[in-house]
């Protein structure tokens, strides 16, 4: 809920889940899924791998 300039409270509508329930998602979700998958599949930079290895040794 938010307030307007004159102090009235306004309820904001929640996104409708109809599309998700019916199995139809907006077209932009495919591009977002592809981007996510690319990032997840990327190799870690060597410096970050070394840093994580150092943390593993300490714990």
PDB file of N, CA and C in Angstrom:
ATOM      1  N   UNK A   1       0.842  -1.163   0.000  1.00  0.00           N
ATOM      2  CA  UNK A   1       0.000   0.000   0.000  1.00  0.00           C
ATOM      3  C   UNK A   1       0.896   1.237   0.000  1.00  0.00           C
ATOM      4  N   UNK A   2       0.529   2.240  -0.758  1.00  0.00           N
ATOM      5  CA  UNK A   2       1.303   3.478  -0.818  1.00  0.00           C
ATOM      6  C   UNK A   2       0.382   4.653  -0.539  1.00  0.00           C
ATOM      7  N   UNK A   3       0.979   5.798  -0.327  1.00  0.00           N
ATOM      8  CA  UNK A   3       0.200   7.009  -0.089  1.00  0.00           C
ATOM      9  C   UNK A   3       0.372   7.972  -1.256  1.00  0.00           C
ATOM     10  N   UNK A   4      -0.693   8.682  -1.590  1.00  0.00           N
ATOM     11  CA  UNK A   4      -0.630   9.701  -2.623  1.00  0.00           C
ATOM     12  C   UNK A   4      -0.215  11.019  -1.992  1.00  0.00           C
ATOM     13  N   UNK A   5      -0.075  12.054  -2.805  1.00  0.00           N
ATOM     14  CA  UNK A   5       0.344  13.360  -2.295  1.00  0.00           C
ATOM     15  C   UNK A   5      -0.638  13.917  -1.269  1.00  0.00           C
ATOM     16  N   UNK A   6      -1.922  13.620  -1.439  1.00  0.00           N
ATOM     17  CA  UNK A   6      -2.899  14.165  -0.494  1.00  0.00           C
ATOM     18  C   UNK A   6      -3.103  13.261   0.715  1.00  0.00           C
ATOM     19  N   UNK A   7      -2.306  12.198   0.839  1.00  0.00           N
ATOM     20  CA  UNK A   7      -2.347  11.348   2.015  1.00  0.00           C
ATOM     21  C   UNK A   7      -3.266  10.157   1.897  1.00  0.00           C
ATOM     22  N   UNK A   8      -4.052  10.054   0.817  1.00  0.00           N
ATOM     23  CA  UNK A   8      -4.926   8.901   0.646  1.00  0.00           C
ATOM     24  C   UNK A   8      -4.084   7.650   0.409  1.00  0.00           C
ATOM     25  N   UNK A   9      -4.524   6.558   0.954  1.00  0.00           N
ATOM     26  CA  UNK A   9      -3.815   5.304   0.735  1.00  0.00           C
ATOM     27  C   UNK A   9      -4.366   4.618  -0.508  1.00  0.00           C
ATOM     28  N   UNK A  10      -3.464   4.084  -1.304  1.00  0.00           N
ATOM     29  CA  UNK A  10      -3.843   3.418  -2.545  1.00  0.00           C
ATOM     30  C   UNK A  10      -3.287   2.004  -2.520  1.00  0.00           C
ATOM     31  N   UNK A  11      -4.138   1.036  -2.798  1.00  0.00           N
ATOM     32  CA  UNK A  11      -3.678  -0.346  -2.888  1.00  0.00           C
ATOM     33  C   UNK A  11      -3.132  -0.580  -4.280  1.00  0.00           C
ATOM     34  N   UNK A  12      -1.977  -1.198  -4.353  1.00  0.00           N
ATOM     35  CA  UNK A  12      -1.402  -1.547  -5.645  1.00  0.00           C
ATOM     36  C   UNK A  12      -1.820  -2.964  -5.993  1.00  0.00           C
ATOM     37  N   UNK A  13      -2.198  -3.160  -7.216  1.00  0.00           N
ATOM     38  CA  UNK A  13      -2.628  -4.487  -7.655  1.00  0.00           C
ATOM     39  C   UNK A  13      -1.442  -5.425  -7.739  1.00  0.00           C
ATOM     40  N   UNK A  14      -1.643  -6.647  -7.311  1.00  0.00           N
ATOM     41  CA  UNK A  14      -0.607  -7.665  -7.431  1.00  0.00           C
ATOM     42  C   UNK A  14      -0.652  -8.219  -8.849  1.00  0.00           C
ATOM     43  N   UNK A  15       0.495  -8.659  -9.373  1.00  0.00           N
ATOM     44  CA  UNK A  15       0.491  -9.254 -10.700  1.00  0.00           C
ATOM     45  C   UNK A  15      -0.417 -10.474 -10.722  1.00  0.00           C
ATOM     46  N   UNK A  16      -1.125 -10.638 -11.815  1.00  0.00           N
ATOM     47  CA  UNK A  16      -2.025 -11.770 -11.937  1.00  0.00           C
ATOM     48  C   UNK A  16      -1.241 -13.032 -12.232  1.00  0.00           C
ATOM     49  N   UNK A  17      -1.633 -14.112 -11.601  1.00  0.00           N
ATOM     50  CA  UNK A  17      -0.957 -15.386 -11.788  1.00  0.00           C
ATOM     51  C   UNK A  17      -1.658 -16.240 -12.837  1.00  0.00           C
ATOM     52  N   UNK A  18      -2.652 -15.680 -13.543  1.00  0.00           N
ATOM     53  CA  UNK A  18      -3.407 -16.453 -14.528  1.00  0.00           C
ATOM     54  C   UNK A  18      -2.500 -17.089 -15.568  1.00  0.00           C
ATOM     55  N   UNK A  19      -1.528 -16.342 -16.073  1.00  0.00           N
ATOM     56  CA  UNK A  19      -0.644 -16.849 -17.118  1.00  0.00           C
ATOM     57  C   UNK A  19       0.190 -18.014 -16.596  1.00  0.00           C
ATOM     58  N   UNK A  20       0.666 -17.905 -15.369  1.00  0.00           N
ATOM     59  CA  UNK A  20       1.468 -18.987 -14.804  1.00  0.00           C
ATOM     60  C   UNK A  20       0.614 -20.221 -14.567  1.00  0.00           C
ATOM     61  N   UNK A  21      -0.615 -20.015 -14.090  1.00  0.00           N
ATOM     62  CA  UNK A  21      -1.491 -21.142 -13.802  1.00  0.00           C
ATOM     63  C   UNK A  21      -1.851 -21.907 -15.067  1.00  0.00           C
ATOM     64  N   UNK A  22      -1.997 -21.205 -16.176  1.00  0.00           N
ATOM     65  CA  UNK A  22      -2.389 -21.868 -17.419  1.00  0.00           C
ATOM     66  C   UNK A  22      -1.188 -22.400 -18.197  1.00  0.00           C
ATOM     67  N   UNK A  23       0.037 -22.175 -17.680  1.00  0.00           N
ATOM     68  CA  UNK A  23       1.234 -22.656 -18.354  1.00  0.00           C
ATOM     69  C   UNK A  23       1.721 -21.721 -19.433  1.00  0.00           C
ATOM     70  N   UNK A  24       1.100 -20.568 -19.603  1.00  0.00           N
ATOM     71  CA  UNK A  24       1.517 -19.598 -20.616  1.00  0.00           C
ATOM     72  C   UNK A  24       2.267 -18.468 -19.926  1.00  0.00           C
ATOM     73  N   UNK A  25       3.528 -18.353 -20.246  1.00  0.00           N
ATOM     74  CA  UNK A  25       4.347 -17.292 -19.673  1.00  0.00           C
ATOM     75  C   UNK A  25       4.610 -16.232 -20.732  1.00  0.00           C
ATOM     76  N   UNK A  26       4.858 -15.005 -20.323  1.00  0.00           N
ATOM     77  CA  UNK A  26       5.183 -13.958 -21.299  1.00  0.00           C
ATOM     78  C   UNK A  26       6.427 -14.322 -22.105  1.00  0.00           C
ATOM     79  N   UNK A  27       6.522 -13.813 -23.313  1.00  0.00           N
ATOM     80  CA  UNK A  27       7.626 -14.131 -24.206  1.00  0.00           C
ATOM     81  C   UNK A  27       8.993 -13.765 -23.662  1.00  0.00           C
ATOM     82  N   UNK A  28       9.081 -12.714 -22.853  1.00  0.00           N
ATOM     83  CA  UNK A  28      10.386 -12.280 -22.353  1.00  0.00           C
ATOM     84  C   UNK A  28      10.996 -13.290 -21.392  1.00  0.00           C
ATOM     85  N   UNK A  29      10.205 -14.210 -20.859  1.00  0.00           N
ATOM     86  CA  UNK A  29      10.755 -15.173 -19.910  1.00  0.00           C
ATOM     87  C   UNK A  29      11.738 -16.133 -20.573  1.00  0.00           C
ATOM     88  N   UNK A  30      11.554 -16.416 -21.857  1.00  0.00           N
ATOM     89  CA  UNK A  30      12.489 -17.296 -22.561  1.00  0.00           C
ATOM     90  C   UNK A  30      13.882 -16.678 -22.612  1.00  0.00           C
ATOM     91  N   UNK A  31      13.963 -15.394 -22.946  1.00  0.00           N
ATOM     92  CA  UNK A  31      15.249 -14.704 -22.999  1.00  0.00           C
ATOM     93  C   UNK A  31      15.902 -14.637 -21.631  1.00  0.00           C
ATOM     94  N   UNK A  32      15.105 -14.405 -20.612  1.00  0.00           N
ATOM     95  CA  UNK A  32      15.640 -14.344 -19.253  1.00  0.00           C
ATOM     96  C   UNK A  32      16.174 -15.706 -18.830  1.00  0.00           C
ATOM     97  N   UNK A  33      15.465 -16.770 -19.179  1.00  0.00           N
ATOM     98  CA  UNK A  33      15.915 -18.118 -18.847  1.00  0.00           C
ATOM     99  C   UNK A  33      17.235 -18.436 -19.558  1.00  0.00           C
ATOM    100  N   UNK A  34      17.350 -18.050 -20.825  1.00  0.00           N
ATOM    101  CA  UNK A  34      18.590 -18.285 -21.568  1.00  0.00           C
ATOM    102  C   UNK A  34      19.756 -17.538 -20.941  1.00  0.00           C
ATOM    103  N   UNK A  35      19.532 -16.289 -20.555  1.00  0.00           N
ATOM    104  CA  UNK A  35      20.588 -15.501 -19.916  1.00  0.00           C
ATOM    105  C   UNK A  35      21.014 -16.136 -18.602  1.00  0.00           C
ATOM    106  N   UNK A  36      20.050 -16.552 -17.806  1.00  0.00           N
ATOM    107  CA  UNK A  36      20.345 -17.203 -16.529  1.00  0.00           C
ATOM    108  C   UNK A  36      21.176 -18.462 -16.746  1.00  0.00           C
ATOM    109  N   UNK A  37      20.755 -19.285 -17.701  1.00  0.00           N
ATOM    110  CA  UNK A  37      21.479 -20.524 -17.973  1.00  0.00           C
ATOM    111  C   UNK A  37      22.913 -20.251 -18.418  1.00  0.00           C
ATOM    112  N   UNK A  38      23.121 -19.203 -19.218  1.00  0.00           N
ATOM    113  CA  UNK A  38      24.477 -18.862 -19.654  1.00  0.00           C
ATOM    114  C   UNK A  38      25.352 -18.462 -18.478  1.00  0.00           C
ATOM    115  N   UNK A  39      24.804 -17.674 -17.580  1.00  0.00           N
ATOM    116  CA  UNK A  39      25.576 -17.212 -16.424  1.00  0.00           C
ATOM    117  C   UNK A  39      25.909 -18.389 -15.511  1.00  0.00           C
ATOM    118  N   UNK A  40      24.954 -19.269 -15.296  1.00  0.00           N
ATOM    119  CA  UNK A  40      25.188 -20.424 -14.431  1.00  0.00           C
ATOM    120  C   UNK A  40      26.257 -21.333 -15.022  1.00  0.00           C
ATOM    121  N   UNK A  41      26.283 -21.456 -16.344  1.00  0.00           N
ATOM    122  CA  UNK A  41      27.236 -22.353 -17.001  1.00  0.00           C
ATOM    123  C   UNK A  41      28.631 -21.758 -17.154  1.00  0.00           C
ATOM    124  N   UNK A  42      28.802 -20.452 -16.900  1.00  0.00           N
ATOM    125  CA  UNK A  42      30.115 -19.829 -17.038  1.00  0.00           C
ATOM    126  C   UNK A  42      31.084 -20.382 -16.004  1.00  0.00           C
ATOM    127  N   UNK A  43      32.349 -20.491 -16.411  1.00  0.00           N
ATOM    128  CA  UNK A  43      33.379 -20.902 -15.461  1.00  0.00           C
ATOM    129  C   UNK A  43      33.722 -19.734 -14.546  1.00  0.00           C
ATOM    130  N   UNK A  44      34.101 -20.072 -13.328  1.00  0.00           N
ATOM    131  CA  UNK A  44      34.539 -19.029 -12.405  1.00  0.00           C
ATOM    132  C   UNK A  44      35.917 -18.542 -12.818  1.00  0.00           C
ATOM    133  N   UNK A  45      36.179 -17.244 -12.685  1.00  0.00           N
ATOM    134  CA  UNK A  45      37.530 -16.753 -12.948  1.00  0.00           C
ATOM    135  C   UNK A  45      38.522 -17.403 -11.981  1.00  0.00           C
ATOM    136  N   UNK A  46      39.749 -17.582 -12.445  1.00  0.00           N
ATOM    137  CA  UNK A  46      40.766 -18.280 -11.657  1.00  0.00           C
ATOM    138  C   UNK A  46      40.973 -17.635 -10.286  1.00  0.00           C
ATOM    139  N   UNK A  47      40.999 -16.314 -10.244  1.00  0.00           N
ATOM    140  CA  UNK A  47      41.211 -15.617  -8.972  1.00  0.00           C
ATOM    141  C   UNK A  47      40.101 -15.902  -7.974  1.00  0.00           C
ATOM    142  N   UNK A  48      38.879 -15.973  -8.447  1.00  0.00           N
ATOM    143  CA  UNK A  48      37.752 -16.252  -7.569  1.00  0.00           C
ATOM    144  C   UNK A  48      37.794 -17.706  -7.092  1.00  0.00           C
ATOM    145  N   UNK A  49      38.186 -18.606  -7.989  1.00  0.00           N
ATOM    146  CA  UNK A  49      38.336 -20.009  -7.599  1.00  0.00           C
ATOM    147  C   UNK A  49      39.381 -20.154  -6.497  1.00  0.00           C
ATOM    148  N   UNK A  50      40.507 -19.449  -6.654  1.00  0.00           N
ATOM    149  CA  UNK A  50      41.571 -19.506  -5.650  1.00  0.00           C
ATOM    150  C   UNK A  50      41.090 -18.960  -4.305  1.00  0.00           C
ATOM    151  N   UNK A  51      40.358 -17.877  -4.351  1.00  0.00           N
ATOM    152  CA  UNK A  51      39.838 -17.278  -3.130  1.00  0.00           C
ATOM    153  C   UNK A  51      38.872 -18.235  -2.426  1.00  0.00           C
ATOM    154  N   UNK A  52      37.994 -18.867  -3.182  1.00  0.00           N
ATOM    155  CA  UNK A  52      37.068 -19.826  -2.583  1.00  0.00           C
ATOM    156  C   UNK A  52      37.818 -21.015  -1.989  1.00  0.00           C
ATOM    157  N   UNK A  53      38.878 -21.439  -2.648  1.00  0.00           N
ATOM    158  CA  UNK A  53      39.688 -22.543  -2.127  1.00  0.00           C
ATOM    159  C   UNK A  53      40.337 -22.152  -0.798  1.00  0.00           C
ATOM    160  N   UNK A  54      40.782 -20.897  -0.689  1.00  0.00           N
ATOM    161  CA  UNK A  54      41.372 -20.431   0.557  1.00  0.00           C
ATOM    162  C   UNK A  54      40.339 -20.445   1.683  1.00  0.00           C
ATOM    163  N   UNK A  55      39.119 -20.033   1.369  1.00  0.00           N
ATOM    164  CA  UNK A  55      38.052 -20.058   2.376  1.00  0.00           C
ATOM    165  C   UNK A  55      37.746 -21.483   2.812  1.00  0.00           C
ATOM    166  N   UNK A  56      37.760 -22.418   1.866  1.00  0.00           N
ATOM    167  CA  UNK A  56      37.498 -23.816   2.192  1.00  0.00           C
ATOM    168  C   UNK A  56      38.568 -24.364   3.132  1.00  0.00           C
ATOM    169  N   UNK A  57      39.814 -23.978   2.922  1.00  0.00           N
ATOM    170  CA  UNK A  57      40.912 -24.463   3.775  1.00  0.00           C
ATOM    171  C   UNK A  57      40.746 -23.968   5.202  1.00  0.00           C
ATOM    172  N   UNK A  58      40.255 -22.740   5.375  1.00  0.00           N
ATOM    173  CA  UNK A  58      40.119 -22.156   6.712  1.00  0.00           C
ATOM    174  C   UNK A  58      38.973 -22.780   7.506  1.00  0.00           C
ATOM    175  N   UNK A  59      37.983 -23.307   6.805  1.00  0.00           N
ATOM    176  CA  UNK A  59      36.819 -23.850   7.543  1.00  0.00           C
ATOM    177  C   UNK A  59      36.858 -25.327   7.677  1.00  0.00           C
TER     178      UNK A  59
END
